[in-house]
Each structure stands twice: as structure tokens, then as C-alpha cells.
Amino acid sequence: MDPARAVFLAVAFATHAFLGYALVRSLTAANPRLGVLFGLLPDADFLFPAALEWPFVHRGLSHSPFALLVFVVGALVVRDRTTALAVALAYGSHLLLDSLSPAGIQWLFPLRTTWSPGLSIHTVIDTPVLWAGCLVLLAWRTDALDPLLARLPVDSDRLGVG
């Protein structure tokens, strides 16, 4: 793999993981590791063998609102609304970011159409701005919501902590 492509992918993966973490940590009471996992999950299609065809290609099935719906409903059935919200935020943020890029995503899956405004979202300008926004979100959550969340009666076993 071309070194520039490897760096691009590493930065893109880190950005999706950090954005998922920041959203889940800041806006839910769920374990923020869910944000990392589901922020990266759409790119699991990189692991599929190149011999597989559509929809098992990069930006195929895993980059569709259909997949998002499957995981959110699965979280509701298996866990609870807090987990489902965390899944929706992390997975959805990945889809939103990728939909802005020139390749877009398949918003109307299973129709093989993509839409995108054609923006470059993982550039030397856009990525630091996005990371700074995540840091602001985390700082805001820590300052504003920690005292409120501390007063909520929450089962720590359900959150995966303690």
C-alpha cells in the first residue's frame, strides 16, 4: 500500500473512532468505548476479501442507513435505549462524515446509487477542526453534565463500568 494512502486511512480511522467516542461520552450515559467500536464498524468492510462483490465492498452494505437501522434495533432488543442511542450516534456520525466525501454512501441501499456534495473531509484543515470540535464537546460535557449525571440513579452494571 502506498504510504500516503496508509497515513490517510490511519487518520480517517482515528477520526471516526474519536468522533464516536466524543459523541457517546458527551451525549449519553453509555460506555464511551461503544463510540469507538461503532464509529469504526462501518469500515469493517475493509476486512472483506477483494474477491467479494457488491454489497460486500467498501462503502457497500456497511455504509448504508439499512446497516445503521439493523444495529440500532439490535441494540434496543439486546440492551436498552441508552445503548441504542450510543450506537446511533457513533455509527451515524461515520455515515454522515463519509457521505460528505467525494465517494459518498448509499443512502438508498439496496439501490446502487450514491450521493455526495463532494467535499474532502480528511484534509490537513478539516481533520484538525473536527478533532478540535470533539475536544470542545468533551470539555463541555465534563464541565456541564458530569454533576447532573452524578445525581442520576443509574445501574453501573448496565453501563459496563465499575
N, C-alpha and C. Protein backbone atom coordinates (compact mmCIF):
# COMPACT_ATOMS: atom_id res chain seq x y z
N MET A 1 0.85 -1.18 0.00
CA MET A 1 0.00 0.00 0.00
C MET A 1 0.89 1.24 0.00
N ASP A 2 0.47 2.21 -0.74
CA ASP A 2 1.17 3.48 -0.82
C ASP A 2 1.23 4.11 0.58
N PRO A 3 2.39 4.62 1.03
CA PRO A 3 2.49 5.21 2.37
C PRO A 3 1.52 6.36 2.59
N ALA A 4 1.29 7.18 1.59
CA ALA A 4 0.35 8.29 1.74
C ALA A 4 -1.06 7.76 1.98
N ARG A 5 -1.43 6.70 1.29
CA ARG A 5 -2.75 6.09 1.48
C ARG A 5 -2.87 5.49 2.88
N ALA A 6 -1.80 4.86 3.36
CA ALA A 6 -1.81 4.28 4.70
C ALA A 6 -1.99 5.36 5.76
N VAL A 7 -1.32 6.49 5.61
CA VAL A 7 -1.46 7.59 6.56
C VAL A 7 -2.89 8.15 6.50
N PHE A 8 -3.39 8.33 5.29
CA PHE A 8 -4.76 8.82 5.11
C PHE A 8 -5.76 7.91 5.84
N LEU A 9 -5.64 6.60 5.64
CA LEU A 9 -6.55 5.66 6.28
C LEU A 9 -6.41 5.68 7.79
N ALA A 10 -5.18 5.75 8.29
CA ALA A 10 -4.96 5.79 9.74
C ALA A 10 -5.62 7.02 10.35
N VAL A 11 -5.46 8.16 9.70
CA VAL A 11 -6.07 9.40 10.21
C VAL A 11 -7.60 9.31 10.12
N ALA A 12 -8.11 8.77 9.02
CA ALA A 12 -9.56 8.63 8.87
C ALA A 12 -10.13 7.70 9.94
N PHE A 13 -9.49 6.56 10.17
CA PHE A 13 -9.96 5.63 11.21
C PHE A 13 -9.92 6.30 12.58
N ALA A 14 -8.82 6.98 12.89
CA ALA A 14 -8.70 7.65 14.18
C ALA A 14 -9.78 8.72 14.34
N THR A 15 -10.08 9.43 13.27
CA THR A 15 -11.10 10.47 13.32
C THR A 15 -12.48 9.87 13.58
N HIS A 16 -12.82 8.81 12.89
CA HIS A 16 -14.12 8.16 13.12
C HIS A 16 -14.22 7.62 14.55
N ALA A 17 -13.15 7.03 15.05
CA ALA A 17 -13.14 6.50 16.42
C ALA A 17 -13.28 7.62 17.44
N PHE A 18 -12.53 8.71 17.25
CA PHE A 18 -12.56 9.82 18.21
C PHE A 18 -13.91 10.53 18.18
N LEU A 19 -14.47 10.73 17.01
CA LEU A 19 -15.79 11.38 16.93
C LEU A 19 -16.85 10.51 17.60
N GLY A 20 -16.82 9.21 17.35
CA GLY A 20 -17.77 8.31 18.02
C GLY A 20 -17.61 8.35 19.53
N TYR A 21 -16.35 8.32 19.99
CA TYR A 21 -16.08 8.39 21.42
C TYR A 21 -16.63 9.70 22.01
N ALA A 22 -16.32 10.81 21.36
CA ALA A 22 -16.72 12.12 21.88
C ALA A 22 -18.24 12.25 21.95
N LEU A 23 -18.93 11.79 20.93
CA LEU A 23 -20.39 11.88 20.92
C LEU A 23 -21.02 11.01 22.00
N VAL A 24 -20.57 9.78 22.11
CA VAL A 24 -21.14 8.88 23.12
C VAL A 24 -20.79 9.34 24.52
N ARG A 25 -19.56 9.75 24.74
CA ARG A 25 -19.11 10.22 26.07
C ARG A 25 -19.85 11.48 26.47
N SER A 26 -20.12 12.35 25.48
CA SER A 26 -20.70 13.65 25.79
C SER A 26 -22.22 13.65 25.86
N LEU A 27 -22.87 12.80 25.11
CA LEU A 27 -24.31 12.91 24.97
C LEU A 27 -25.10 11.73 25.52
N THR A 28 -24.42 10.72 26.07
CA THR A 28 -25.13 9.57 26.63
C THR A 28 -24.48 9.15 27.94
N ALA A 29 -25.15 8.25 28.63
CA ALA A 29 -24.58 7.65 29.83
C ALA A 29 -23.97 6.29 29.52
N ALA A 30 -23.86 5.94 28.24
CA ALA A 30 -23.31 4.64 27.83
C ALA A 30 -21.79 4.65 27.92
N ASN A 31 -21.22 3.47 27.91
CA ASN A 31 -19.77 3.33 27.92
C ASN A 31 -19.22 3.93 26.63
N PRO A 32 -18.30 4.91 26.71
CA PRO A 32 -17.79 5.56 25.50
C PRO A 32 -17.01 4.63 24.57
N ARG A 33 -16.61 3.46 25.07
CA ARG A 33 -15.95 2.50 24.17
C ARG A 33 -16.90 2.04 23.06
N LEU A 34 -18.20 2.12 23.34
CA LEU A 34 -19.18 1.83 22.28
C LEU A 34 -19.03 2.81 21.13
N GLY A 35 -18.70 4.05 21.46
CA GLY A 35 -18.49 5.07 20.43
C GLY A 35 -17.32 4.74 19.53
N VAL A 36 -16.24 4.25 20.13
CA VAL A 36 -15.07 3.85 19.34
C VAL A 36 -15.44 2.67 18.45
N LEU A 37 -16.05 1.65 19.04
CA LEU A 37 -16.40 0.44 18.29
C LEU A 37 -17.34 0.74 17.12
N PHE A 38 -18.44 1.42 17.41
CA PHE A 38 -19.43 1.66 16.36
C PHE A 38 -19.05 2.82 15.45
N GLY A 39 -18.11 3.66 15.88
CA GLY A 39 -17.57 4.67 14.98
C GLY A 39 -16.67 4.05 13.92
N LEU A 40 -16.04 2.94 14.26
CA LEU A 40 -15.17 2.23 13.31
C LEU A 40 -15.88 1.13 12.53
N LEU A 41 -16.96 0.60 13.07
CA LEU A 41 -17.59 -0.59 12.49
C LEU A 41 -17.94 -0.49 11.00
N PRO A 42 -18.41 0.65 10.50
CA PRO A 42 -18.70 0.68 9.05
C PRO A 42 -17.48 0.36 8.18
N ASP A 43 -16.29 0.64 8.67
CA ASP A 43 -15.08 0.35 7.89
C ASP A 43 -14.60 -1.08 8.05
N ALA A 44 -15.37 -1.91 8.74
CA ALA A 44 -15.02 -3.33 8.83
C ALA A 44 -15.06 -3.97 7.45
N ASP A 45 -15.71 -3.31 6.51
CA ASP A 45 -15.76 -3.85 5.15
C ASP A 45 -14.38 -3.86 4.48
N PHE A 46 -13.41 -3.17 5.07
CA PHE A 46 -12.03 -3.26 4.58
C PHE A 46 -11.47 -4.67 4.79
N LEU A 47 -12.06 -5.41 5.73
CA LEU A 47 -11.57 -6.74 6.04
C LEU A 47 -12.09 -7.81 5.08
N PHE A 48 -13.11 -7.47 4.30
CA PHE A 48 -13.67 -8.46 3.38
C PHE A 48 -12.70 -8.70 2.23
N PRO A 49 -12.59 -9.92 1.79
CA PRO A 49 -11.70 -10.22 0.66
C PRO A 49 -12.12 -9.44 -0.60
N ALA A 50 -11.13 -9.03 -1.36
CA ALA A 50 -11.40 -8.25 -2.57
C ALA A 50 -12.21 -9.05 -3.59
N ALA A 51 -12.21 -10.37 -3.47
CA ALA A 51 -12.94 -11.21 -4.42
C ALA A 51 -14.45 -11.09 -4.25
N LEU A 52 -14.89 -10.64 -3.07
CA LEU A 52 -16.32 -10.48 -2.85
C LEU A 52 -16.82 -9.27 -3.64
N GLU A 53 -18.04 -9.36 -4.09
CA GLU A 53 -18.60 -8.27 -4.87
C GLU A 53 -19.64 -7.52 -4.06
N TRP A 54 -20.24 -6.52 -4.69
CA TRP A 54 -21.26 -5.72 -4.05
C TRP A 54 -22.34 -6.65 -3.50
N PRO A 55 -22.85 -6.46 -2.31
CA PRO A 55 -22.73 -5.30 -1.45
C PRO A 55 -21.60 -5.39 -0.43
N PHE A 56 -20.73 -6.38 -0.55
CA PHE A 56 -19.66 -6.57 0.44
C PHE A 56 -18.37 -5.89 0.02
N VAL A 57 -18.49 -4.70 -0.51
CA VAL A 57 -17.33 -3.90 -0.88
C VAL A 57 -17.30 -2.69 0.03
N HIS A 58 -16.17 -1.99 0.03
CA HIS A 58 -16.10 -0.78 0.85
C HIS A 58 -17.15 0.22 0.39
N ARG A 59 -17.86 0.75 1.34
CA ARG A 59 -18.98 1.67 1.12
C ARG A 59 -20.17 0.98 0.46
N GLY A 60 -20.30 -0.29 0.76
CA GLY A 60 -21.47 -1.04 0.30
C GLY A 60 -22.48 -1.13 1.43
N LEU A 61 -22.84 -2.33 1.80
CA LEU A 61 -23.85 -2.58 2.83
C LEU A 61 -23.51 -1.91 4.16
N SER A 62 -22.26 -1.97 4.59
CA SER A 62 -21.91 -1.43 5.90
C SER A 62 -21.98 0.10 5.95
N HIS A 63 -21.99 0.74 4.80
CA HIS A 63 -22.10 2.20 4.73
C HIS A 63 -23.49 2.61 4.25
N SER A 64 -24.51 2.04 4.87
CA SER A 64 -25.88 2.35 4.47
C SER A 64 -26.74 2.59 5.70
N PRO A 65 -27.79 3.40 5.56
CA PRO A 65 -28.73 3.57 6.66
C PRO A 65 -29.39 2.25 7.07
N PHE A 66 -29.49 1.31 6.13
CA PHE A 66 -30.04 0.00 6.46
C PHE A 66 -29.20 -0.67 7.55
N ALA A 67 -27.86 -0.64 7.40
CA ALA A 67 -26.98 -1.24 8.41
C ALA A 67 -27.11 -0.50 9.74
N LEU A 68 -27.20 0.83 9.68
CA LEU A 68 -27.39 1.62 10.90
C LEU A 68 -28.66 1.18 11.61
N LEU A 69 -29.74 1.04 10.87
CA LEU A 69 -31.01 0.61 11.45
C LEU A 69 -30.91 -0.77 12.08
N VAL A 70 -30.24 -1.69 11.42
CA VAL A 70 -30.07 -3.05 11.96
C VAL A 70 -29.35 -3.00 13.30
N PHE A 71 -28.26 -2.23 13.38
CA PHE A 71 -27.50 -2.17 14.63
C PHE A 71 -28.25 -1.44 15.74
N VAL A 72 -28.98 -0.38 15.41
CA VAL A 72 -29.74 0.34 16.43
C VAL A 72 -30.88 -0.53 16.96
N VAL A 73 -31.62 -1.17 16.08
CA VAL A 73 -32.70 -2.07 16.52
C VAL A 73 -32.11 -3.23 17.32
N GLY A 74 -30.99 -3.77 16.88
CA GLY A 74 -30.33 -4.83 17.63
C GLY A 74 -29.96 -4.39 19.03
N ALA A 75 -29.46 -3.16 19.16
CA ALA A 75 -29.10 -2.64 20.49
C ALA A 75 -30.34 -2.47 21.35
N LEU A 76 -31.45 -2.05 20.75
CA LEU A 76 -32.70 -1.92 21.51
C LEU A 76 -33.20 -3.27 22.01
N VAL A 77 -33.09 -4.28 21.17
CA VAL A 77 -33.57 -5.61 21.53
C VAL A 77 -32.68 -6.25 22.58
N VAL A 78 -31.37 -6.16 22.38
CA VAL A 78 -30.42 -6.86 23.25
C VAL A 78 -30.10 -6.06 24.52
N ARG A 79 -30.05 -4.73 24.40
CA ARG A 79 -29.66 -3.91 25.55
C ARG A 79 -30.78 -2.96 25.96
N ASP A 80 -30.61 -1.67 25.64
CA ASP A 80 -31.57 -0.66 26.08
C ASP A 80 -31.47 0.58 25.19
N ARG A 81 -32.30 1.59 25.52
CA ARG A 81 -32.31 2.81 24.71
C ARG A 81 -31.01 3.59 24.79
N THR A 82 -30.36 3.57 25.93
CA THR A 82 -29.09 4.28 26.07
C THR A 82 -28.05 3.70 25.13
N THR A 83 -27.97 2.38 25.08
CA THR A 83 -27.03 1.72 24.17
C THR A 83 -27.41 1.99 22.72
N ALA A 84 -28.70 1.93 22.42
CA ALA A 84 -29.15 2.19 21.05
C ALA A 84 -28.81 3.61 20.62
N LEU A 85 -28.96 4.57 21.53
CA LEU A 85 -28.58 5.96 21.21
C LEU A 85 -27.08 6.06 20.95
N ALA A 86 -26.29 5.38 21.76
CA ALA A 86 -24.83 5.39 21.56
C ALA A 86 -24.47 4.80 20.20
N VAL A 87 -25.11 3.70 19.85
CA VAL A 87 -24.86 3.07 18.55
C VAL A 87 -25.26 4.02 17.42
N ALA A 88 -26.43 4.64 17.56
CA ALA A 88 -26.91 5.55 16.52
C ALA A 88 -25.97 6.74 16.34
N LEU A 89 -25.50 7.31 17.44
CA LEU A 89 -24.60 8.46 17.35
C LEU A 89 -23.27 8.09 16.70
N ALA A 90 -22.66 7.00 17.15
CA ALA A 90 -21.34 6.63 16.64
C ALA A 90 -21.40 6.15 15.19
N TYR A 91 -22.28 5.20 14.92
CA TYR A 91 -22.39 4.65 13.56
C TYR A 91 -22.89 5.73 12.60
N GLY A 92 -23.89 6.49 13.06
CA GLY A 92 -24.45 7.55 12.23
C GLY A 92 -23.45 8.64 11.92
N SER A 93 -22.58 8.98 12.88
CA SER A 93 -21.56 10.01 12.61
C SER A 93 -20.59 9.54 11.53
N HIS A 94 -20.28 8.25 11.54
CA HIS A 94 -19.40 7.71 10.50
C HIS A 94 -20.08 7.85 9.13
N LEU A 95 -21.34 7.47 9.05
CA LEU A 95 -22.06 7.58 7.78
C LEU A 95 -22.16 9.03 7.32
N LEU A 96 -22.43 9.92 8.25
CA LEU A 96 -22.54 11.33 7.90
C LEU A 96 -21.23 11.87 7.35
N LEU A 97 -20.14 11.59 8.05
CA LEU A 97 -18.83 12.05 7.56
C LEU A 97 -18.51 11.48 6.18
N ASP A 98 -18.70 10.19 6.03
CA ASP A 98 -18.37 9.57 4.74
C ASP A 98 -19.31 10.03 3.63
N SER A 99 -20.52 10.41 3.97
CA SER A 99 -21.44 10.88 2.93
C SER A 99 -21.01 12.23 2.38
N LEU A 100 -20.21 12.97 3.13
CA LEU A 100 -19.72 14.26 2.66
C LEU A 100 -18.56 14.12 1.68
N SER A 101 -17.87 13.00 1.74
CA SER A 101 -16.68 12.80 0.89
C SER A 101 -17.09 12.57 -0.56
N PRO A 102 -16.15 12.71 -1.48
CA PRO A 102 -16.49 12.53 -2.91
C PRO A 102 -17.11 11.17 -3.24
N ALA A 103 -16.72 10.11 -2.55
CA ALA A 103 -17.28 8.78 -2.84
C ALA A 103 -18.71 8.63 -2.32
N GLY A 104 -19.08 9.39 -1.30
CA GLY A 104 -20.42 9.32 -0.75
C GLY A 104 -20.75 7.96 -0.14
N ILE A 105 -22.02 7.78 0.20
CA ILE A 105 -22.50 6.48 0.69
C ILE A 105 -23.81 6.16 -0.01
N GLN A 106 -24.29 4.96 0.17
CA GLN A 106 -25.52 4.52 -0.48
C GLN A 106 -26.72 4.79 0.43
N TRP A 107 -27.21 6.03 0.38
CA TRP A 107 -28.34 6.41 1.22
C TRP A 107 -29.60 5.62 0.89
N LEU A 108 -29.72 5.15 -0.34
CA LEU A 108 -30.93 4.43 -0.76
C LEU A 108 -30.68 2.94 -0.93
N PHE A 109 -29.72 2.38 -0.18
CA PHE A 109 -29.44 0.96 -0.26
C PHE A 109 -30.75 0.19 -0.10
N PRO A 110 -31.04 -0.80 -0.89
CA PRO A 110 -30.17 -1.58 -1.76
C PRO A 110 -30.01 -1.03 -3.18
N LEU A 111 -30.59 0.12 -3.47
CA LEU A 111 -30.33 0.72 -4.78
C LEU A 111 -28.86 1.12 -4.84
N ARG A 112 -28.23 0.86 -5.95
CA ARG A 112 -26.79 1.11 -6.06
C ARG A 112 -26.52 2.54 -6.52
N THR A 113 -27.04 3.48 -5.77
CA THR A 113 -26.81 4.89 -6.06
C THR A 113 -26.13 5.53 -4.87
N THR A 114 -25.28 6.48 -5.14
CA THR A 114 -24.63 7.23 -4.06
C THR A 114 -24.91 8.70 -4.26
N TRP A 115 -24.81 9.44 -3.17
CA TRP A 115 -24.94 10.88 -3.22
C TRP A 115 -23.87 11.48 -2.35
N SER A 116 -23.32 12.59 -2.79
CA SER A 116 -22.31 13.28 -2.01
C SER A 116 -22.17 14.71 -2.52
N PRO A 117 -21.92 15.66 -1.59
CA PRO A 117 -21.61 17.01 -2.05
C PRO A 117 -20.18 17.11 -2.59
N GLY A 118 -19.39 16.04 -2.42
CA GLY A 118 -18.04 16.01 -2.97
C GLY A 118 -17.00 16.76 -2.16
N LEU A 119 -17.21 16.89 -0.87
CA LEU A 119 -16.24 17.59 -0.02
C LEU A 119 -15.09 16.66 0.35
N SER A 120 -13.94 17.24 0.59
CA SER A 120 -12.82 16.46 1.14
C SER A 120 -12.87 16.64 2.65
N ILE A 121 -13.08 15.56 3.38
CA ILE A 121 -13.30 15.68 4.82
C ILE A 121 -12.12 15.25 5.67
N HIS A 122 -11.14 14.61 5.08
CA HIS A 122 -9.97 14.18 5.85
C HIS A 122 -8.74 14.90 5.32
N THR A 123 -8.76 16.23 5.39
CA THR A 123 -7.64 17.03 4.91
C THR A 123 -6.88 17.62 6.09
N VAL A 124 -5.77 18.29 5.80
CA VAL A 124 -4.96 18.88 6.87
C VAL A 124 -5.68 20.04 7.54
N ILE A 125 -6.73 20.55 6.95
CA ILE A 125 -7.52 21.61 7.58
C ILE A 125 -8.75 21.04 8.26
N ASP A 126 -9.50 20.23 7.55
CA ASP A 126 -10.77 19.71 8.07
C ASP A 126 -10.59 18.79 9.28
N THR A 127 -9.61 17.93 9.23
CA THR A 127 -9.42 16.96 10.32
C THR A 127 -9.09 17.64 11.64
N PRO A 128 -8.12 18.58 11.69
CA PRO A 128 -7.88 19.26 12.98
C PRO A 128 -9.09 20.04 13.49
N VAL A 129 -9.87 20.61 12.59
CA VAL A 129 -11.08 21.33 13.01
C VAL A 129 -12.08 20.35 13.63
N LEU A 130 -12.25 19.20 13.01
CA LEU A 130 -13.15 18.18 13.54
C LEU A 130 -12.67 17.67 14.90
N TRP A 131 -11.36 17.43 15.03
CA TRP A 131 -10.81 16.97 16.30
C TRP A 131 -10.98 18.05 17.37
N ALA A 132 -10.78 19.31 17.01
CA ALA A 132 -10.96 20.40 17.97
C ALA A 132 -12.42 20.45 18.43
N GLY A 133 -13.35 20.25 17.50
CA GLY A 133 -14.76 20.20 17.87
C GLY A 133 -15.05 19.08 18.85
N CYS A 134 -14.43 17.93 18.64
CA CYS A 134 -14.59 16.80 19.56
C CYS A 134 -14.06 17.15 20.95
N LEU A 135 -12.91 17.81 20.99
CA LEU A 135 -12.33 18.21 22.27
C LEU A 135 -13.23 19.22 22.99
N VAL A 136 -13.80 20.16 22.26
CA VAL A 136 -14.73 21.12 22.85
C VAL A 136 -15.96 20.39 23.39
N LEU A 137 -16.48 19.46 22.63
CA LEU A 137 -17.64 18.68 23.07
C LEU A 137 -17.32 17.90 24.35
N LEU A 138 -16.15 17.30 24.40
CA LEU A 138 -15.75 16.56 25.61
C LEU A 138 -15.57 17.50 26.79
N ALA A 139 -14.98 18.67 26.57
CA ALA A 139 -14.79 19.63 27.66
C ALA A 139 -16.14 20.15 28.15
N TRP A 140 -17.06 20.42 27.23
CA TRP A 140 -18.38 20.89 27.61
C TRP A 140 -19.10 19.83 28.43
N ARG A 141 -19.02 18.60 28.01
CA ARG A 141 -19.69 17.52 28.72
C ARG A 141 -19.13 17.37 30.12
N THR A 142 -17.82 17.42 30.22
CA THR A 142 -17.19 17.27 31.52
C THR A 142 -17.61 18.39 32.46
N ASP A 143 -17.63 19.62 31.95
CA ASP A 143 -17.97 20.76 32.79
C ASP A 143 -19.46 20.83 33.11
N ALA A 144 -20.29 20.58 32.12
CA ALA A 144 -21.72 20.83 32.28
C ALA A 144 -22.52 19.62 32.74
N LEU A 145 -22.20 18.44 32.26
CA LEU A 145 -23.06 17.29 32.51
C LEU A 145 -22.61 16.36 33.62
N ASP A 146 -21.34 16.34 33.94
CA ASP A 146 -20.88 15.42 34.99
C ASP A 146 -21.65 15.60 36.30
N PRO A 147 -21.84 16.83 36.79
CA PRO A 147 -22.61 16.96 38.04
C PRO A 147 -24.05 16.46 37.89
N LEU A 148 -24.66 16.68 36.73
CA LEU A 148 -26.03 16.21 36.52
C LEU A 148 -26.09 14.69 36.45
N LEU A 149 -25.17 14.08 35.70
CA LEU A 149 -25.17 12.63 35.58
C LEU A 149 -24.85 11.95 36.91
N ALA A 150 -24.05 12.59 37.73
CA ALA A 150 -23.69 12.01 39.02
C ALA A 150 -24.92 11.87 39.92
N ARG A 151 -25.93 12.71 39.70
CA ARG A 151 -27.14 12.67 40.53
C ARG A 151 -28.19 11.69 40.01
N LEU A 152 -27.99 11.16 38.79
CA LEU A 152 -28.97 10.24 38.23
C LEU A 152 -28.82 8.85 38.85
N PRO A 153 -29.93 8.20 39.16
CA PRO A 153 -29.85 6.81 39.65
C PRO A 153 -29.63 5.87 38.46
N VAL A 154 -28.38 5.48 38.24
CA VAL A 154 -28.03 4.64 37.09
C VAL A 154 -27.36 3.37 37.59
N ASP A 155 -27.76 2.25 37.02
CA ASP A 155 -27.16 0.97 37.34
C ASP A 155 -25.79 0.88 36.66
N SER A 156 -24.70 0.87 37.44
CA SER A 156 -23.36 0.86 36.86
C SER A 156 -23.06 -0.42 36.10
N ASP A 157 -23.71 -1.53 36.43
CA ASP A 157 -23.51 -2.78 35.68
C ASP A 157 -24.00 -2.63 34.24
N ARG A 158 -25.10 -1.94 34.08
CA ARG A 158 -25.68 -1.75 32.76
C ARG A 158 -24.78 -0.89 31.88
N LEU A 159 -24.04 0.02 32.49
CA LEU A 159 -23.17 0.91 31.72
C LEU A 159 -21.84 0.26 31.39
N GLY A 160 -21.54 -0.86 31.97
CA GLY A 160 -20.27 -1.52 31.70
C GLY A 160 -19.12 -0.90 32.46
N VAL A 161 -19.41 -0.25 33.59
CA VAL A 161 -18.36 0.34 34.42
C VAL A 161 -18.49 -0.22 35.82
N GLY A 162 -17.44 -0.07 36.58
CA GLY A 162 -17.47 -0.46 37.99
C GLY A 162 -17.52 -1.88 38.22
